[in-house]
N, C-alpha and C. Protein backbone atom coordinates (compact mmCIF):
# COMPACT_ATOMS: atom_id res chain seq x y z
N UNK A 1 -9.89 -21.43 -6.73
CA UNK A 1 -9.62 -20.22 -7.48
C UNK A 1 -8.13 -20.18 -7.81
N UNK A 2 -7.82 -19.66 -8.96
CA UNK A 2 -6.43 -19.56 -9.41
C UNK A 2 -5.66 -18.59 -8.52
N UNK A 3 -4.73 -19.11 -7.76
CA UNK A 3 -3.98 -18.28 -6.80
C UNK A 3 -2.83 -17.53 -7.45
N UNK A 4 -2.65 -17.69 -8.76
CA UNK A 4 -1.60 -16.96 -9.46
C UNK A 4 -2.12 -15.65 -10.05
N UNK A 5 -3.39 -15.37 -9.86
CA UNK A 5 -3.97 -14.14 -10.40
C UNK A 5 -3.34 -12.92 -9.76
N UNK A 6 -3.07 -11.91 -10.56
CA UNK A 6 -2.56 -10.65 -10.05
C UNK A 6 -3.64 -9.58 -10.03
N UNK A 7 -4.69 -9.79 -10.82
CA UNK A 7 -5.77 -8.82 -10.87
C UNK A 7 -7.09 -9.56 -11.12
N UNK A 8 -8.15 -9.06 -10.50
CA UNK A 8 -9.50 -9.58 -10.69
C UNK A 8 -10.36 -8.48 -11.27
N UNK A 9 -11.31 -8.85 -12.10
CA UNK A 9 -12.29 -7.90 -12.61
C UNK A 9 -13.66 -8.37 -12.15
N UNK A 10 -14.34 -7.52 -11.40
CA UNK A 10 -15.66 -7.84 -10.86
C UNK A 10 -16.62 -6.70 -11.19
N UNK A 11 -17.90 -6.98 -11.07
CA UNK A 11 -18.91 -5.94 -11.24
C UNK A 11 -19.48 -5.56 -9.89
N UNK A 12 -19.60 -4.25 -9.64
CA UNK A 12 -20.17 -3.79 -8.37
C UNK A 12 -21.69 -3.84 -8.43
N UNK A 13 -22.34 -3.35 -7.37
CA UNK A 13 -23.80 -3.40 -7.26
C UNK A 13 -24.51 -2.64 -8.36
N UNK A 14 -23.83 -1.63 -8.94
CA UNK A 14 -24.44 -0.82 -10.00
C UNK A 14 -24.07 -1.31 -11.40
N UNK A 15 -23.36 -2.44 -11.49
CA UNK A 15 -22.99 -3.00 -12.78
C UNK A 15 -21.72 -2.43 -13.38
N UNK A 16 -20.97 -1.66 -12.60
CA UNK A 16 -19.72 -1.07 -13.09
C UNK A 16 -18.58 -2.08 -12.92
N UNK A 17 -17.73 -2.16 -13.92
CA UNK A 17 -16.56 -3.03 -13.86
C UNK A 17 -15.53 -2.44 -12.90
N UNK A 18 -15.07 -3.23 -11.95
CA UNK A 18 -14.08 -2.80 -10.97
C UNK A 18 -12.88 -3.72 -11.08
N UNK A 19 -11.70 -3.13 -11.22
CA UNK A 19 -10.47 -3.91 -11.27
C UNK A 19 -9.83 -3.91 -9.89
N UNK A 20 -9.54 -5.11 -9.40
CA UNK A 20 -8.95 -5.27 -8.08
C UNK A 20 -7.58 -5.93 -8.21
N UNK A 21 -6.59 -5.36 -7.56
CA UNK A 21 -5.25 -5.94 -7.54
C UNK A 21 -5.18 -6.95 -6.40
N UNK A 22 -4.70 -8.13 -6.70
CA UNK A 22 -4.61 -9.20 -5.71
C UNK A 22 -3.31 -9.07 -4.94
N UNK A 23 -3.43 -9.08 -3.61
CA UNK A 23 -2.26 -9.04 -2.73
C UNK A 23 -1.92 -10.46 -2.30
N UNK A 24 -2.95 -11.22 -1.88
CA UNK A 24 -2.69 -12.57 -1.37
C UNK A 24 -3.97 -13.39 -1.31
N UNK A 25 -3.80 -14.71 -1.46
CA UNK A 25 -4.85 -15.68 -1.18
C UNK A 25 -4.39 -16.47 0.04
N UNK A 26 -5.32 -16.84 0.91
CA UNK A 26 -4.97 -17.75 2.00
C UNK A 26 -6.22 -18.43 2.53
N UNK A 27 -6.02 -19.58 3.16
CA UNK A 27 -7.10 -20.34 3.78
C UNK A 27 -7.07 -20.09 5.28
N UNK A 28 -8.26 -20.15 5.89
CA UNK A 28 -8.36 -19.94 7.32
C UNK A 28 -9.62 -20.63 7.83
N UNK A 29 -9.57 -21.05 9.08
CA UNK A 29 -10.74 -21.63 9.71
C UNK A 29 -11.54 -20.50 10.37
N UNK A 30 -12.83 -20.42 10.05
CA UNK A 30 -13.71 -19.42 10.63
C UNK A 30 -13.87 -19.71 12.12
N UNK A 31 -13.59 -18.74 12.99
CA UNK A 31 -13.66 -18.99 14.43
C UNK A 31 -15.07 -19.27 14.94
N UNK A 32 -16.09 -18.82 14.23
CA UNK A 32 -17.48 -19.07 14.66
C UNK A 32 -18.00 -20.43 14.22
N UNK A 33 -17.69 -20.81 12.99
CA UNK A 33 -18.28 -22.02 12.41
C UNK A 33 -17.33 -23.21 12.35
N UNK A 34 -16.04 -22.96 12.58
CA UNK A 34 -15.00 -24.00 12.46
C UNK A 34 -14.88 -24.51 11.02
N UNK A 35 -15.43 -23.77 10.07
CA UNK A 35 -15.38 -24.13 8.66
C UNK A 35 -14.16 -23.49 8.01
N UNK A 36 -13.42 -24.28 7.22
CA UNK A 36 -12.26 -23.75 6.51
C UNK A 36 -12.74 -23.03 5.26
N UNK A 37 -12.26 -21.82 5.08
CA UNK A 37 -12.65 -21.01 3.92
C UNK A 37 -11.41 -20.38 3.30
N UNK A 38 -11.57 -19.98 2.05
CA UNK A 38 -10.50 -19.30 1.33
C UNK A 38 -10.85 -17.81 1.24
N UNK A 39 -9.82 -16.99 1.37
CA UNK A 39 -9.98 -15.54 1.32
C UNK A 39 -8.97 -14.95 0.36
N UNK A 40 -9.29 -13.78 -0.16
CA UNK A 40 -8.36 -13.05 -1.01
C UNK A 40 -8.30 -11.61 -0.50
N UNK A 41 -7.09 -11.10 -0.40
CA UNK A 41 -6.86 -9.71 0.00
C UNK A 41 -6.60 -8.92 -1.27
N UNK A 42 -7.35 -7.83 -1.45
CA UNK A 42 -7.28 -7.04 -2.67
C UNK A 42 -7.31 -5.55 -2.36
N UNK A 43 -7.03 -4.76 -3.39
CA UNK A 43 -7.27 -3.32 -3.32
C UNK A 43 -7.72 -2.84 -4.68
N UNK A 44 -8.58 -1.86 -4.68
CA UNK A 44 -9.16 -1.31 -5.90
C UNK A 44 -8.05 -0.69 -6.75
N UNK A 45 -8.14 -0.86 -8.05
CA UNK A 45 -7.13 -0.35 -8.97
C UNK A 45 -6.97 1.17 -8.87
N UNK A 46 -8.00 1.86 -8.39
CA UNK A 46 -7.95 3.32 -8.27
C UNK A 46 -7.35 3.79 -6.95
N UNK A 47 -6.96 2.86 -6.08
CA UNK A 47 -6.42 3.20 -4.77
C UNK A 47 -5.03 2.59 -4.60
N UNK A 48 -4.49 2.68 -3.39
CA UNK A 48 -3.17 2.15 -3.14
C UNK A 48 -3.25 0.90 -2.28
N UNK A 49 -2.12 0.25 -2.08
CA UNK A 49 -2.06 -0.96 -1.25
C UNK A 49 -2.42 -0.68 0.20
N UNK A 50 -2.47 0.56 0.60
CA UNK A 50 -2.87 0.91 1.97
C UNK A 50 -4.37 0.75 2.17
N UNK A 51 -5.12 0.63 1.08
CA UNK A 51 -6.58 0.51 1.13
C UNK A 51 -7.03 -0.93 0.88
N UNK A 52 -6.43 -1.86 1.59
CA UNK A 52 -6.72 -3.28 1.40
C UNK A 52 -8.08 -3.66 1.97
N UNK A 53 -8.70 -4.66 1.36
CA UNK A 53 -9.88 -5.26 1.96
C UNK A 53 -9.92 -6.73 1.58
N UNK A 54 -10.71 -7.50 2.31
CA UNK A 54 -10.77 -8.95 2.14
C UNK A 54 -12.10 -9.36 1.53
N UNK A 55 -12.03 -10.39 0.70
CA UNK A 55 -13.22 -11.02 0.15
C UNK A 55 -13.14 -12.52 0.43
N UNK A 56 -14.27 -13.14 0.62
CA UNK A 56 -14.33 -14.57 0.87
C UNK A 56 -14.65 -15.29 -0.44
N UNK A 57 -13.94 -16.38 -0.71
CA UNK A 57 -14.23 -17.20 -1.87
C UNK A 57 -15.34 -18.16 -1.46
N UNK A 58 -16.46 -18.08 -2.15
CA UNK A 58 -17.63 -18.90 -1.82
C UNK A 58 -18.07 -19.62 -3.09
N UNK A 59 -19.11 -20.39 -3.01
CA UNK A 59 -19.64 -21.10 -4.18
C UNK A 59 -21.13 -20.80 -4.30
N UNK A 60 -21.58 -20.66 -5.55
CA UNK A 60 -23.01 -20.46 -5.77
C UNK A 60 -23.71 -21.82 -5.84
N UNK A 61 -24.99 -21.81 -6.14
CA UNK A 61 -25.77 -23.05 -6.15
C UNK A 61 -25.33 -24.04 -7.23
N UNK A 62 -24.60 -23.55 -8.24
CA UNK A 62 -24.08 -24.44 -9.29
C UNK A 62 -22.67 -24.93 -8.99
N UNK A 63 -22.10 -24.49 -7.86
CA UNK A 63 -20.76 -24.89 -7.50
C UNK A 63 -19.67 -24.01 -8.08
N UNK A 64 -20.07 -22.92 -8.75
CA UNK A 64 -19.10 -21.99 -9.32
C UNK A 64 -18.59 -21.07 -8.22
N UNK A 65 -17.29 -20.75 -8.27
CA UNK A 65 -16.70 -19.87 -7.27
C UNK A 65 -17.10 -18.42 -7.51
N UNK A 66 -17.32 -17.72 -6.41
CA UNK A 66 -17.60 -16.30 -6.46
C UNK A 66 -16.99 -15.64 -5.25
N UNK A 67 -16.78 -14.34 -5.35
CA UNK A 67 -16.18 -13.57 -4.25
C UNK A 67 -17.27 -12.75 -3.58
N UNK A 68 -17.30 -12.83 -2.25
CA UNK A 68 -18.33 -12.11 -1.50
C UNK A 68 -17.69 -11.29 -0.39
N UNK A 69 -18.31 -10.15 -0.06
CA UNK A 69 -17.80 -9.36 1.07
C UNK A 69 -18.03 -10.12 2.37
N UNK A 70 -17.21 -9.81 3.36
CA UNK A 70 -17.33 -10.45 4.67
C UNK A 70 -18.17 -9.54 5.55
N UNK A 71 -19.37 -10.01 5.91
CA UNK A 71 -20.29 -9.21 6.71
C UNK A 71 -20.14 -9.43 8.21
N UNK A 72 -19.63 -10.58 8.60
CA UNK A 72 -19.51 -10.94 10.00
C UNK A 72 -18.27 -10.27 10.60
N UNK A 73 -18.46 -9.45 11.64
CA UNK A 73 -17.35 -8.70 12.24
C UNK A 73 -16.30 -9.61 12.86
N UNK A 74 -16.72 -10.71 13.48
CA UNK A 74 -15.77 -11.64 14.10
C UNK A 74 -14.92 -12.31 13.02
N UNK A 75 -15.56 -12.74 11.95
CA UNK A 75 -14.84 -13.36 10.84
C UNK A 75 -13.88 -12.37 10.20
N UNK A 76 -14.33 -11.14 9.97
CA UNK A 76 -13.47 -10.11 9.37
C UNK A 76 -12.27 -9.82 10.24
N UNK A 77 -12.47 -9.69 11.54
CA UNK A 77 -11.36 -9.44 12.46
C UNK A 77 -10.37 -10.60 12.44
N UNK A 78 -10.87 -11.83 12.36
CA UNK A 78 -10.00 -13.00 12.30
C UNK A 78 -9.20 -13.02 11.00
N UNK A 79 -9.83 -12.64 9.90
CA UNK A 79 -9.14 -12.58 8.61
C UNK A 79 -8.05 -11.52 8.65
N UNK A 80 -8.35 -10.35 9.22
CA UNK A 80 -7.35 -9.29 9.33
C UNK A 80 -6.17 -9.74 10.19
N UNK A 81 -6.47 -10.39 11.29
CA UNK A 81 -5.40 -10.87 12.17
C UNK A 81 -4.55 -11.93 11.48
N UNK A 82 -5.21 -12.85 10.79
CA UNK A 82 -4.48 -13.91 10.07
C UNK A 82 -3.59 -13.30 8.99
N UNK A 83 -4.13 -12.36 8.23
CA UNK A 83 -3.34 -11.71 7.19
C UNK A 83 -2.12 -11.02 7.79
N UNK A 84 -2.33 -10.26 8.86
CA UNK A 84 -1.22 -9.55 9.51
C UNK A 84 -0.17 -10.53 10.04
N UNK A 85 -0.61 -11.64 10.60
CA UNK A 85 0.32 -12.63 11.15
C UNK A 85 1.11 -13.32 10.03
N UNK A 86 0.41 -13.72 8.99
CA UNK A 86 1.06 -14.46 7.89
C UNK A 86 2.01 -13.56 7.11
N UNK A 87 1.57 -12.36 6.78
CA UNK A 87 2.31 -11.54 5.85
C UNK A 87 3.15 -10.45 6.48
N UNK A 88 3.09 -10.27 7.78
CA UNK A 88 3.94 -9.27 8.43
C UNK A 88 5.39 -9.72 8.47
N UNK A 89 5.61 -11.03 8.35
CA UNK A 89 6.97 -11.56 8.39
C UNK A 89 7.68 -11.45 7.06
N UNK A 90 6.92 -11.19 5.99
CA UNK A 90 7.53 -11.13 4.66
C UNK A 90 8.12 -9.78 4.38
């Protein structure tokens, strides 16, 4: 995925266009699966940077990249910790 993006446009479950501001992209190893994955930290265009959330960069059956919510609590906690560790120093 292009890591120079400043904004993403996605469709929600109801088909509404949602604009997300990109804060950061980073790679991390999933603590459960030992698989390296890419994540993006974003916030909705209608909110502030205090309302951050993470999405996982995944691939569909055709190999195209897509962004998916993180459902696994352990993985989400690890992503939050990694983000805080990496970007708290900046």
